[in-house]
Protein backbone atom coordinates (compact mmCIF):
# COMPACT_ATOMS: atom_id res chain seq x y z
CA UNK A 1 22.11 -201.29 94.69
CA UNK A 2 19.02 -199.81 93.05
CA UNK A 3 18.39 -199.99 89.34
CA UNK A 4 16.61 -197.53 87.10
CA UNK A 5 13.37 -198.91 85.65
CA UNK A 6 13.62 -200.02 82.06
CA UNK A 7 12.11 -197.69 79.49
CA UNK A 8 8.78 -198.92 78.10
CA UNK A 9 9.14 -199.31 74.35
CA UNK A 10 6.04 -197.94 72.62
CA UNK A 11 7.27 -197.77 69.02
CA UNK A 12 6.42 -200.92 67.02
CA UNK A 13 9.57 -200.72 64.87
CA UNK A 14 11.77 -200.43 67.96
CA UNK A 15 9.96 -203.37 69.53
CA UNK A 16 10.51 -205.46 66.39
CA UNK A 17 14.23 -204.61 66.52
CA UNK A 18 14.38 -205.59 70.19
CA UNK A 19 12.75 -208.95 69.42
CA UNK A 20 15.19 -209.60 66.59
CA UNK A 21 18.17 -208.66 68.80
CA UNK A 22 16.86 -210.98 71.53
CA UNK A 23 16.53 -213.85 69.08
CA UNK A 24 20.08 -213.27 67.82
CA UNK A 25 21.51 -213.08 71.36
CA UNK A 26 19.76 -216.29 72.40
CA UNK A 27 20.88 -218.12 69.25
CA UNK A 28 24.50 -217.14 69.83
CA UNK A 29 24.48 -217.98 73.57
CA UNK A 30 24.99 -214.37 74.66
CA UNK A 31 23.08 -215.04 77.86
CA UNK A 32 23.75 -211.77 79.68
CA UNK A 33 22.74 -209.71 76.66
CA UNK A 34 19.69 -211.91 76.13
CA UNK A 35 18.62 -211.38 79.75
CA UNK A 36 18.74 -207.59 79.37
CA UNK A 37 16.92 -207.71 76.04
CA UNK A 38 14.29 -210.09 77.47
CA UNK A 39 13.59 -207.62 80.28
CA UNK A 40 13.20 -204.83 77.72
CA UNK A 41 10.86 -206.92 75.57
CA UNK A 42 8.80 -207.85 78.64
CA UNK A 43 8.55 -204.18 79.69
CA UNK A 44 7.40 -203.05 76.22
CA UNK A 45 3.88 -201.92 75.37
CA UNK A 46 3.29 -204.95 73.12
CA UNK A 47 2.31 -208.60 73.49
CA UNK A 48 2.46 -211.62 71.25
CA UNK A 49 -0.48 -211.71 68.86
CA UNK A 50 -3.27 -213.84 70.32
CA UNK A 51 -4.56 -214.81 66.86
CA UNK A 52 -1.40 -216.11 65.14
CA UNK A 53 0.85 -216.63 68.19
CA UNK A 54 3.68 -215.18 66.06
CA UNK A 55 3.88 -218.51 64.19
CA UNK A 56 5.77 -218.12 60.89
CA UNK A 57 3.17 -220.08 58.95
CA UNK A 58 0.21 -218.02 60.29
CA UNK A 59 1.72 -214.56 60.86
CA UNK A 60 1.86 -213.27 57.23
CA UNK A 61 -1.90 -213.69 56.75
CA UNK A 62 -2.94 -212.50 60.23
CA UNK A 63 -5.43 -209.63 60.21
CA UNK A 64 -5.11 -209.08 63.98
CA UNK A 65 -1.44 -208.05 63.92
CA UNK A 66 -1.09 -207.28 60.20
CA UNK A 67 1.73 -209.80 59.91
CA UNK A 68 3.89 -208.33 62.69
CA UNK A 69 3.40 -211.11 65.25
CA UNK A 70 2.57 -208.70 68.09
CA UNK A 71 -0.17 -206.31 69.14
CA UNK A 72 -0.31 -203.28 71.46
CA UNK A 73 -1.14 -204.00 75.10
């Protein structure tokens, strides 16, 4: 069985929503949903910010990602 490639998310707001959905799925033990969302996050055109590492205590003041926690690839 072949699978279609996942779409590459290039919109930062959509990527943020994907990350939030992934976090919610993982926290509520929705493992199948989390696996699909993880693949979509991994395929996106963004990476974790190298300056703040998306840490809650450092992210708001981060000039590299402007407080988003991620940067374009």
